Amino acid sequence: MQKNIVPQHAWIFDVDGVITHPSKKIITEFEVLNYIIKKLEKGKPVVLNTGRSLEWIMDRVINLLLKKTKNKEIFNRFFVVGEMGGVWLTFDKNGKIQKHVDRSLQFPKSLMKRVIQLVKAKYSKSMFFDDTKQTMFSIEMNEELPIDKYKKEQKVLVNDLSKIIKASDLNKNLRIDTTTIAADIMNKHVGKGFAVIRIIDWLKENELKPHKVFAFGDSKSDLPMAEKLHELGFSVEFVFVGDKTHLGNTKYPFSIFFTKAQYEKGALEFLRKTN
């Protein structure tokens, strides 16, 4: 990686509902990828911070990015954190991918078995268990299911999951987090804010000190990205592309930009505006 260049901005994106369509779970606004490539070509750090597995991110996002340029060296300023900080992916100076896993965050197989049984028995028509993750469990909305219908069932699911975690005597170590399209069981230490620590370590390792960070999210669970960045002294603007009523009237010590369009169209709206 080229050293001693101070990028003006760094860009951190959630994936679901920001880069990909929230219910179709694929990229529908390919122009977003073009903007990411342009930023990498200019030497700007770009990060994906998501609850997704590395396998899913490779298939749905990274492989598409790699096809857009022959210059793989630009990806040494591209960093991916998955599973809320449990896994991460880097590129070496030649563009070769390196994957990493924090195995201390992995769960007992007995818990996974109980969660899978619950989903198959009670929720198979609306959601499924994501078996690609290594350090957390996700019960995800089926593709094309209306989000409002999923949200109603998600509330019931969370109650059932809470009972399983308590019965397994793991409630002191685990928590349940909900997003637009999933309910996640994870170690209490991980999350979008925890993942930011990995991001900052990567920036320091590569001697990158951006003057400002733009962090994109579509749900309240993405706010810890901006909160942690602000706490650590970074100038940050949180770009919210979801339903702004979900953030309520809480005042935050950093700037929040609400896009007019929502989800991936909102991300594209902001990228066009700031290009």
C-alpha atoms as a PDB file:
ATOM      1  CA  MET A   1       0.000   0.000   0.000  1.00  0.00           C
ATOM      2  CA  GLN A   2       1.180   3.488  -0.781  1.00  0.00           C
ATOM      3  CA  LYS A   3       2.254   5.185   2.457  1.00  0.00           C
ATOM      4  CA  ASN A   4       2.275   8.722   3.805  1.00  0.00           C
ATOM      5  CA  ILE A   5      -0.710   9.952   1.793  1.00  0.00           C
ATOM      6  CA  VAL A   6      -3.432  11.514   3.875  1.00  0.00           C
ATOM      7  CA  PRO A   7      -6.832  10.829   2.254  1.00  0.00           C
ATOM      8  CA  GLN A   8      -9.357  13.613   2.698  1.00  0.00           C
ATOM      9  CA  HIS A   9     -12.237  11.193   3.298  1.00  0.00           C
ATOM     10  CA  ALA A  10     -12.861   7.575   4.210  1.00  0.00           C
ATOM     11  CA  TRP A  11     -16.099   5.794   3.345  1.00  0.00           C
ATOM     12  CA  ILE A  12     -17.748   3.081   5.443  1.00  0.00           C
ATOM     13  CA  PHE A  13     -20.817   1.286   4.084  1.00  0.00           C
ATOM     14  CA  ASP A  14     -23.256  -1.115   5.643  1.00  0.00           C
ATOM     15  CA  VAL A  15     -24.239  -3.616   2.926  1.00  0.00           C
ATOM     16  CA  ASP A  16     -27.889  -4.729   3.234  1.00  0.00           C
ATOM     17  CA  GLY A  17     -30.208  -1.864   2.376  1.00  0.00           C
ATOM     18  CA  VAL A  18     -27.269   0.388   1.504  1.00  0.00           C
ATOM     19  CA  ILE A  19     -25.389  -1.352  -1.308  1.00  0.00           C
ATOM     20  CA  THR A  20     -27.869  -4.175  -1.926  1.00  0.00           C
ATOM     21  CA  HIS A  21     -31.657  -4.077  -2.189  1.00  0.00           C
ATOM     22  CA  PRO A  22     -33.132  -4.909   1.256  1.00  0.00           C
ATOM     23  CA  SER A  23     -35.616  -7.560   0.118  1.00  0.00           C
ATOM     24  CA  LYS A  24     -34.071  -8.778  -3.156  1.00  0.00           C
ATOM     25  CA  LYS A  25     -30.646  -8.959  -1.428  1.00  0.00           C
ATOM     26  CA  ILE A  26     -28.784  -8.233  -4.628  1.00  0.00           C
ATOM     27  CA  ILE A  27     -27.248  -5.131  -6.133  1.00  0.00           C
ATOM     28  CA  THR A  28     -29.790  -3.263  -8.216  1.00  0.00           C
ATOM     29  CA  GLU A  29     -27.980   0.090  -8.430  1.00  0.00           C
ATOM     30  CA  PHE A  30     -24.686  -0.873 -10.045  1.00  0.00           C
ATOM     31  CA  GLU A  31     -23.681   2.768 -10.225  1.00  0.00           C
ATOM     32  CA  VAL A  32     -22.902   2.516  -6.496  1.00  0.00           C
ATOM     33  CA  LEU A  33     -20.092   0.089  -7.354  1.00  0.00           C
ATOM     34  CA  ASN A  34     -18.754   2.517  -9.947  1.00  0.00           C
ATOM     35  CA  TYR A  35     -18.450   5.199  -7.274  1.00  0.00           C
ATOM     36  CA  ILE A  36     -16.639   2.790  -4.949  1.00  0.00           C
ATOM     37  CA  ILE A  37     -14.128   1.953  -7.679  1.00  0.00           C
ATOM     38  CA  LYS A  38     -13.591   5.660  -8.404  1.00  0.00           C
ATOM     39  CA  LYS A  39     -12.869   6.350  -4.738  1.00  0.00           C
ATOM     40  CA  LEU A  40     -10.381   3.482  -4.550  1.00  0.00           C
ATOM     41  CA  GLU A  41      -8.669   4.719  -7.708  1.00  0.00           C
ATOM     42  CA  LYS A  42      -8.228   8.100  -6.004  1.00  0.00           C
ATOM     43  CA  GLY A  43      -6.611   6.422  -2.993  1.00  0.00           C
ATOM     44  CA  LYS A  44      -9.566   6.881  -0.653  1.00  0.00           C
ATOM     45  CA  PRO A  45     -10.155   4.115   1.932  1.00  0.00           C
ATOM     46  CA  VAL A  46     -13.445   2.254   1.418  1.00  0.00           C
ATOM     47  CA  VAL A  47     -14.814  -0.162   4.010  1.00  0.00           C
ATOM     48  CA  LEU A  48     -17.770  -2.517   4.158  1.00  0.00           C
ATOM     49  CA  ASN A  49     -19.049  -3.007   7.724  1.00  0.00           C
ATOM     50  CA  THR A  50     -21.756  -5.647   7.812  1.00  0.00           C
ATOM     51  CA  GLY A  51     -23.266  -8.553   9.685  1.00  0.00           C
ATOM     52  CA  ARG A  52     -22.952 -10.697   6.563  1.00  0.00           C
ATOM     53  CA  SER A  53     -20.555 -13.616   6.194  1.00  0.00           C
ATOM     54  CA  LEU A  54     -17.459 -13.245   4.032  1.00  0.00           C
ATOM     55  CA  GLU A  55     -18.831 -15.927   1.719  1.00  0.00           C
ATOM     56  CA  TRP A  56     -22.004 -13.915   1.093  1.00  0.00           C
ATOM     57  CA  ILE A  57     -20.117 -10.625   0.635  1.00  0.00           C
ATOM     58  CA  MET A  58     -17.725 -12.217  -1.843  1.00  0.00           C
ATOM     59  CA  ASP A  59     -20.594 -13.610  -3.905  1.00  0.00           C
ATOM     60  CA  ARG A  60     -22.925 -10.602  -3.862  1.00  0.00           C
ATOM     61  CA  VAL A  61     -20.535  -7.629  -3.783  1.00  0.00           C
ATOM     62  CA  ILE A  62     -16.774  -8.170  -3.946  1.00  0.00           C
ATOM     63  CA  ASN A  63     -16.690 -10.375  -7.043  1.00  0.00           C
ATOM     64  CA  LEU A  64     -18.747  -7.751  -8.876  1.00  0.00           C
ATOM     65  CA  LEU A  65     -16.320  -5.031  -7.796  1.00  0.00           C
ATOM     66  CA  LEU A  66     -13.332  -7.072  -8.938  1.00  0.00           C
ATOM     67  CA  LYS A  67     -14.864  -7.443 -12.396  1.00  0.00           C
ATOM     68  CA  LYS A  68     -15.074  -3.676 -12.792  1.00  0.00           C
ATOM     69  CA  THR A  69     -11.337  -3.033 -12.905  1.00  0.00           C
ATOM     70  CA  LYS A  70      -8.151  -4.704 -14.114  1.00  0.00           C
ATOM     71  CA  ASN A  71      -6.105  -2.785 -11.561  1.00  0.00           C
ATOM     72  CA  LYS A  72      -6.358  -5.012  -8.496  1.00  0.00           C
ATOM     73  CA  GLU A  73      -3.753  -2.960  -6.617  1.00  0.00           C
ATOM     74  CA  ILE A  74      -6.404  -0.343  -5.768  1.00  0.00           C
ATOM     75  CA  PHE A  75      -8.013  -2.882  -3.419  1.00  0.00           C
ATOM     76  CA  ASN A  76      -5.226  -2.488  -0.876  1.00  0.00           C
ATOM     77  CA  ARG A  77      -7.331   0.439   0.348  1.00  0.00           C
ATOM     78  CA  PHE A  78     -10.443  -1.706   0.553  1.00  0.00           C
ATOM     79  CA  PHE A  79     -11.311  -3.411   3.848  1.00  0.00           C
ATOM     80  CA  VAL A  80     -14.257  -5.652   4.689  1.00  0.00           C
ATOM     81  CA  VAL A  81     -15.539  -6.459   8.173  1.00  0.00           C
ATOM     82  CA  GLY A  82     -18.232  -9.133   8.391  1.00  0.00           C
ATOM     83  CA  GLU A  83     -20.298 -10.704  11.150  1.00  0.00           C
ATOM     84  CA  MET A  84     -20.205  -7.480  13.200  1.00  0.00           C
ATOM     85  CA  GLY A  85     -16.440  -7.715  13.612  1.00  0.00           C
ATOM     86  CA  GLY A  86     -16.071 -11.483  13.926  1.00  0.00           C
ATOM     87  CA  VAL A  87     -14.474 -11.916  10.493  1.00  0.00           C
ATOM     88  CA  TRP A  88     -12.592  -9.577   8.166  1.00  0.00           C
ATOM     89  CA  LEU A  89     -11.001  -9.532   4.754  1.00  0.00           C
ATOM     90  CA  THR A  90      -8.008  -7.656   3.391  1.00  0.00           C
ATOM     91  CA  PHE A  91      -6.093  -7.412   0.121  1.00  0.00           C
ATOM     92  CA  ASP A  92      -2.317  -7.493  -0.077  1.00  0.00           C
ATOM     93  CA  LYS A  93      -0.320  -5.169  -2.355  1.00  0.00           C
ATOM     94  CA  ASN A  94      -0.843  -7.564  -5.288  1.00  0.00           C
ATOM     95  CA  GLY A  95      -4.605  -7.743  -4.815  1.00  0.00           C
ATOM     96  CA  LYS A  96      -4.589 -11.196  -3.221  1.00  0.00           C
ATOM     97  CA  ILE A  97      -7.423 -11.783  -0.739  1.00  0.00           C
ATOM     98  CA  GLN A  98      -6.683 -12.688   2.866  1.00  0.00           C
ATOM     99  CA  LYS A  99      -9.476 -13.844   5.209  1.00  0.00           C
ATOM    100  CA  HIS A 100      -9.430 -13.695   9.009  1.00  0.00           C
ATOM    101  CA  VAL A 101     -11.662 -15.182  11.769  1.00  0.00           C
ATOM    102  CA  ASP A 102     -11.841 -14.419  15.493  1.00  0.00           C
ATOM    103  CA  ARG A 103     -12.488 -17.969  16.726  1.00  0.00           C
ATOM    104  CA  SER A 104     -12.963 -16.823  20.321  1.00  0.00           C
ATOM    105  CA  LEU A 105     -16.423 -15.594  19.271  1.00  0.00           C
ATOM    106  CA  GLN A 106     -17.727 -18.941  17.993  1.00  0.00           C
ATOM    107  CA  PHE A 107     -20.833 -20.504  19.620  1.00  0.00           C
ATOM    108  CA  PRO A 108     -21.636 -23.974  21.008  1.00  0.00           C
ATOM    109  CA  LYS A 109     -23.001 -26.312  18.343  1.00  0.00           C
ATOM    110  CA  SER A 110     -25.826 -27.307  20.685  1.00  0.00           C
ATOM    111  CA  LEU A 111     -27.200 -23.759  20.558  1.00  0.00           C
ATOM    112  CA  MET A 112     -27.015 -23.679  16.776  1.00  0.00           C
ATOM    113  CA  LYS A 113     -28.962 -26.954  16.601  1.00  0.00           C
ATOM    114  CA  ARG A 114     -31.791 -25.563  18.756  1.00  0.00           C
ATOM    115  CA  VAL A 115     -32.045 -22.364  16.732  1.00  0.00           C
ATOM    116  CA  ILE A 116     -32.140 -24.250  13.431  1.00  0.00           C
ATOM    117  CA  GLN A 117     -34.886 -26.532  14.757  1.00  0.00           C
ATOM    118  CA  LEU A 118     -36.954 -23.519  15.850  1.00  0.00           C
ATOM    119  CA  VAL A 119     -36.664 -21.773  12.480  1.00  0.00           C
ATOM    120  CA  LYS A 120     -37.567 -24.886  10.493  1.00  0.00           C
ATOM    121  CA  ALA A 121     -40.523 -25.758  12.720  1.00  0.00           C
ATOM    122  CA  LYS A 122     -42.089 -22.322  13.114  1.00  0.00           C
ATOM    123  CA  TYR A 123     -40.682 -19.741  10.705  1.00  0.00           C
ATOM    124  CA  SER A 124     -39.694 -21.480   7.473  1.00  0.00           C
ATOM    125  CA  LYS A 125     -42.304 -19.629   5.394  1.00  0.00           C
ATOM    126  CA  SER A 126     -40.878 -16.227   6.262  1.00  0.00           C
ATOM    127  CA  MET A 127     -37.197 -16.718   7.159  1.00  0.00           C
ATOM    128  CA  PHE A 128     -34.207 -19.059   7.148  1.00  0.00           C
ATOM    129  CA  PHE A 129     -31.060 -19.818   9.152  1.00  0.00           C
ATOM    130  CA  ASP A 130     -27.901 -18.468   7.487  1.00  0.00           C
ATOM    131  CA  ASP A 131     -25.383 -21.311   7.700  1.00  0.00           C
ATOM    132  CA  THR A 132     -22.483 -19.392   6.112  1.00  0.00           C
ATOM    133  CA  LYS A 133     -21.514 -17.473   9.262  1.00  0.00           C
ATOM    134  CA  GLN A 134     -18.681 -18.500  11.558  1.00  0.00           C
ATOM    135  CA  THR A 135     -19.004 -16.288  14.651  1.00  0.00           C
ATOM    136  CA  MET A 136     -22.714 -15.395  14.921  1.00  0.00           C
ATOM    137  CA  PHE A 137     -26.169 -16.729  14.056  1.00  0.00           C
ATOM    138  CA  SER A 138     -28.550 -14.947  11.706  1.00  0.00           C
ATOM    139  CA  ILE A 139     -32.177 -15.755  11.013  1.00  0.00           C
ATOM    140  CA  GLU A 140     -32.895 -13.894   7.824  1.00  0.00           C
ATOM    141  CA  MET A 141     -35.991 -12.809   5.928  1.00  0.00           C
ATOM    142  CA  ASN A 142     -36.817 -14.908   2.876  1.00  0.00           C
ATOM    143  CA  GLU A 143     -36.146 -13.170  -0.429  1.00  0.00           C
ATOM    144  CA  GLU A 144     -39.009 -11.089  -1.835  1.00  0.00           C
ATOM    145  CA  LEU A 145     -40.996 -11.247   1.427  1.00  0.00           C
ATOM    146  CA  PRO A 146     -42.520  -7.818   2.196  1.00  0.00           C
ATOM    147  CA  ILE A 147     -40.477  -6.134   4.928  1.00  0.00           C
ATOM    148  CA  ASP A 148     -43.564  -5.075   6.929  1.00  0.00           C
ATOM    149  CA  LYS A 149     -44.771  -8.687   7.083  1.00  0.00           C
ATOM    150  CA  TYR A 150     -41.355  -9.874   8.172  1.00  0.00           C
ATOM    151  CA  LYS A 151     -41.138  -7.244  10.919  1.00  0.00           C
ATOM    152  CA  LYS A 152     -44.280  -8.605  12.596  1.00  0.00           C
ATOM    153  CA  GLU A 153     -42.888 -12.127  12.728  1.00  0.00           C
ATOM    154  CA  GLN A 154     -39.445 -10.857  13.739  1.00  0.00           C
ATOM    155  CA  LYS A 155     -40.835  -9.628  17.072  1.00  0.00           C
ATOM    156  CA  VAL A 156     -42.195 -13.096  17.877  1.00  0.00           C
ATOM    157  CA  LEU A 157     -38.949 -14.716  16.782  1.00  0.00           C
ATOM    158  CA  VAL A 158     -36.875 -12.525  19.091  1.00  0.00           C
ATOM    159  CA  ASN A 159     -38.975 -13.637  22.047  1.00  0.00           C
ATOM    160  CA  ASP A 160     -38.448 -17.301  21.129  1.00  0.00           C
ATOM    161  CA  LEU A 161     -34.701 -16.796  20.692  1.00  0.00           C
ATOM    162  CA  SER A 162     -34.452 -15.071  24.058  1.00  0.00           C
ATOM    163  CA  LYS A 163     -36.000 -18.110  25.725  1.00  0.00           C
ATOM    164  CA  ILE A 164     -33.538 -20.469  24.031  1.00  0.00           C
ATOM    165  CA  ILE A 165     -30.533 -18.360  25.038  1.00  0.00           C
ATOM    166  CA  LYS A 166     -31.734 -18.160  28.636  1.00  0.00           C
ATOM    167  CA  ALA A 167     -32.412 -21.913  28.787  1.00  0.00           C
ATOM    168  CA  SER A 168     -28.878 -22.509  27.494  1.00  0.00           C
ATOM    169  CA  ASP A 169     -27.486 -20.292  30.284  1.00  0.00           C
ATOM    170  CA  LEU A 170     -25.812 -18.047  27.725  1.00  0.00           C
ATOM    171  CA  ASN A 171     -27.751 -14.827  28.314  1.00  0.00           C
ATOM    172  CA  LYS A 172     -24.747 -13.278  30.087  1.00  0.00           C
ATOM    173  CA  ASN A 173     -22.578 -13.684  26.993  1.00  0.00           C
ATOM    174  CA  LEU A 174     -24.969 -13.284  24.075  1.00  0.00           C
ATOM    175  CA  ARG A 175     -27.410 -10.699  22.793  1.00  0.00           C
ATOM    176  CA  ILE A 176     -29.985 -10.429  20.025  1.00  0.00           C
ATOM    177  CA  ASP A 177     -29.806  -7.608  17.513  1.00  0.00           C
ATOM    178  CA  THR A 178     -32.425  -6.862  14.869  1.00  0.00           C
ATOM    179  CA  THR A 179     -31.869  -5.268  11.469  1.00  0.00           C
ATOM    180  CA  THR A 180     -34.136  -4.490   8.536  1.00  0.00           C
ATOM    181  CA  ILE A 181     -33.976  -8.070   7.265  1.00  0.00           C
ATOM    182  CA  ALA A 182     -32.652 -10.279  10.080  1.00  0.00           C
ATOM    183  CA  ALA A 183     -32.407 -11.169  13.746  1.00  0.00           C
ATOM    184  CA  ASP A 184     -28.851 -11.866  14.858  1.00  0.00           C
ATOM    185  CA  ILE A 185     -27.499 -13.729  17.880  1.00  0.00           C
ATOM    186  CA  MET A 186     -24.013 -12.558  18.715  1.00  0.00           C
ATOM    187  CA  ASN A 187     -21.442 -12.152  21.423  1.00  0.00           C
ATOM    188  CA  LYS A 188     -22.271  -9.097  23.536  1.00  0.00           C
ATOM    189  CA  HIS A 189     -18.957  -7.508  22.645  1.00  0.00           C
ATOM    190  CA  VAL A 190     -19.449  -7.451  18.871  1.00  0.00           C
ATOM    191  CA  GLY A 191     -21.484  -5.069  16.749  1.00  0.00           C
ATOM    192  CA  LYS A 192     -21.031  -2.248  14.289  1.00  0.00           C
ATOM    193  CA  GLY A 193     -19.095  -0.271  16.902  1.00  0.00           C
ATOM    194  CA  PHE A 194     -16.837  -3.237  17.721  1.00  0.00           C
ATOM    195  CA  ALA A 195     -16.154  -3.625  14.004  1.00  0.00           C
ATOM    196  CA  VAL A 196     -15.025   0.009  13.883  1.00  0.00           C
ATOM    197  CA  ILE A 197     -12.103  -0.954  16.162  1.00  0.00           C
ATOM    198  CA  ARG A 198     -10.958  -3.409  13.518  1.00  0.00           C
ATOM    199  CA  ILE A 199     -11.367  -0.697  10.867  1.00  0.00           C
ATOM    200  CA  ILE A 200      -9.288   1.797  12.841  1.00  0.00           C
ATOM    201  CA  ASP A 201      -6.578  -0.805  13.434  1.00  0.00           C
ATOM    202  CA  TRP A 202      -6.465  -1.361   9.661  1.00  0.00           C
ATOM    203  CA  LEU A 203      -6.239   2.389   8.999  1.00  0.00           C
ATOM    204  CA  LYS A 204      -3.383   2.738  11.504  1.00  0.00           C
ATOM    205  CA  GLU A 205      -1.566  -0.290  10.115  1.00  0.00           C
ATOM    206  CA  ASN A 206      -1.626   1.315   6.693  1.00  0.00           C
ATOM    207  CA  GLU A 207      -0.830   4.816   7.951  1.00  0.00           C
ATOM    208  CA  LEU A 208      -4.153   6.237   6.778  1.00  0.00           C
ATOM    209  CA  LYS A 209      -5.542   9.222   8.687  1.00  0.00           C
ATOM    210  CA  PRO A 210      -8.669  10.541   6.959  1.00  0.00           C
ATOM    211  CA  HIS A 211      -9.851  14.029   7.869  1.00  0.00           C
ATOM    212  CA  LYS A 212     -13.490  12.913   7.754  1.00  0.00           C
ATOM    213  CA  VAL A 213     -15.418   9.640   7.647  1.00  0.00           C
ATOM    214  CA  PHE A 214     -18.768   9.080   5.956  1.00  0.00           C
ATOM    215  CA  ALA A 215     -20.642   6.116   7.482  1.00  0.00           C
ATOM    216  CA  PHE A 216     -23.727   4.766   5.678  1.00  0.00           C
ATOM    217  CA  GLY A 217     -26.538   2.826   7.353  1.00  0.00           C
ATOM    218  CA  ASP A 218     -30.209   1.971   6.966  1.00  0.00           C
ATOM    219  CA  SER A 219     -31.184   0.948  10.508  1.00  0.00           C
ATOM    220  CA  LYS A 220     -30.663   2.067  14.087  1.00  0.00           C
ATOM    221  CA  SER A 221     -28.211  -0.790  14.601  1.00  0.00           C
ATOM    222  CA  ASP A 222     -25.808   1.022  12.243  1.00  0.00           C
ATOM    223  CA  LEU A 223     -25.546   4.086  14.494  1.00  0.00           C
ATOM    224  CA  PRO A 224     -22.774   2.584  16.699  1.00  0.00           C
ATOM    225  CA  MET A 225     -20.445   2.985  13.706  1.00  0.00           C
ATOM    226  CA  ALA A 226     -20.729   6.750  13.890  1.00  0.00           C
ATOM    227  CA  GLU A 227     -20.883   6.772  17.696  1.00  0.00           C
ATOM    228  CA  LYS A 228     -17.613   4.857  18.028  1.00  0.00           C
ATOM    229  CA  LEU A 229     -15.861   6.947  15.374  1.00  0.00           C
ATOM    230  CA  HIS A 230     -16.945  10.134  17.139  1.00  0.00           C
ATOM    231  CA  GLU A 231     -15.885   8.734  20.522  1.00  0.00           C
ATOM    232  CA  LEU A 232     -12.416   8.045  19.127  1.00  0.00           C
ATOM    233  CA  GLY A 233     -12.006  11.564  17.815  1.00  0.00           C
ATOM    234  CA  PHE A 234     -12.899  11.198  14.140  1.00  0.00           C
ATOM    235  CA  SER A 235     -14.945  13.786  12.282  1.00  0.00           C
ATOM    236  CA  VAL A 236     -17.897  11.697  11.085  1.00  0.00           C
ATOM    237  CA  GLU A 237     -21.085  12.195   9.121  1.00  0.00           C
ATOM    238  CA  PHE A 238     -23.706   9.463   9.366  1.00  0.00           C
ATOM    239  CA  VAL A 239     -25.627   9.031   6.105  1.00  0.00           C
ATOM    240  CA  PHE A 240     -28.978   7.433   6.911  1.00  0.00           C
ATOM    241  CA  VAL A 241     -30.777   5.836   3.965  1.00  0.00           C
ATOM    242  CA  GLY A 242     -33.533   4.067   5.917  1.00  0.00           C
ATOM    243  CA  ASP A 243     -36.843   5.268   7.351  1.00  0.00           C
ATOM    244  CA  LYS A 244     -35.825   8.294   9.405  1.00  0.00           C
ATOM    245  CA  THR A 245     -38.642   7.730  11.911  1.00  0.00           C
ATOM    246  CA  HIS A 246     -36.648   4.705  13.110  1.00  0.00           C
ATOM    247  CA  LEU A 247     -34.066   7.033  14.646  1.00  0.00           C
ATOM    248  CA  GLY A 248     -36.678   8.900  16.671  1.00  0.00           C
ATOM    249  CA  ASN A 249     -35.893  12.331  18.097  1.00  0.00           C
ATOM    250  CA  THR A 250     -32.622  11.444  19.804  1.00  0.00           C
ATOM    251  CA  LYS A 251     -29.899  14.069  19.447  1.00  0.00           C
ATOM    252  CA  TYR A 252     -26.458  12.815  18.446  1.00  0.00           C
ATOM    253  CA  PRO A 253     -23.092  14.579  18.765  1.00  0.00           C
ATOM    254  CA  PHE A 254     -22.325  14.144  15.067  1.00  0.00           C
ATOM    255  CA  SER A 255     -23.934  15.159  11.801  1.00  0.00           C
ATOM    256  CA  ILE A 256     -26.679  12.965  10.307  1.00  0.00           C
ATOM    257  CA  PHE A 257     -27.723  13.333   6.682  1.00  0.00           C
ATOM    258  CA  PHE A 258     -31.121  11.888   5.732  1.00  0.00           C
ATOM    259  CA  THR A 259     -31.383  11.006   2.057  1.00  0.00           C
ATOM    260  CA  LYS A 260     -34.643  11.641   0.207  1.00  0.00           C
ATOM    261  CA  ALA A 261     -34.569   8.240  -1.479  1.00  0.00           C
ATOM    262  CA  GLN A 262     -34.250   5.132   0.679  1.00  0.00           C
ATOM    263  CA  TYR A 263     -31.908   2.176   0.852  1.00  0.00           C
ATOM    264  CA  GLU A 264     -29.541   1.625  -2.093  1.00  0.00           C
ATOM    265  CA  LYS A 265     -31.201   4.465  -4.023  1.00  0.00           C
ATOM    266  CA  GLY A 266     -30.469   6.756  -1.078  1.00  0.00           C
ATOM    267  CA  ALA A 267     -26.822   5.703  -1.046  1.00  0.00           C
ATOM    268  CA  LEU A 268     -26.594   6.437  -4.759  1.00  0.00           C
ATOM    269  CA  GLU A 269     -28.285   9.799  -4.231  1.00  0.00           C
ATOM    270  CA  PHE A 270     -25.618  10.830  -1.705  1.00  0.00           C
ATOM    271  CA  LEU A 271     -22.711   9.485  -3.771  1.00  0.00           C
ATOM    272  CA  ARG A 272     -23.876  11.465  -6.804  1.00  0.00           C
ATOM    273  CA  LYS A 273     -24.184  14.564  -4.638  1.00  0.00           C
ATOM    274  CA  THR A 274     -20.678  14.306  -3.199  1.00  0.00           C
ATOM    275  CA  ASN A 275     -18.750  12.938  -6.166  1.00  0.00           C
END
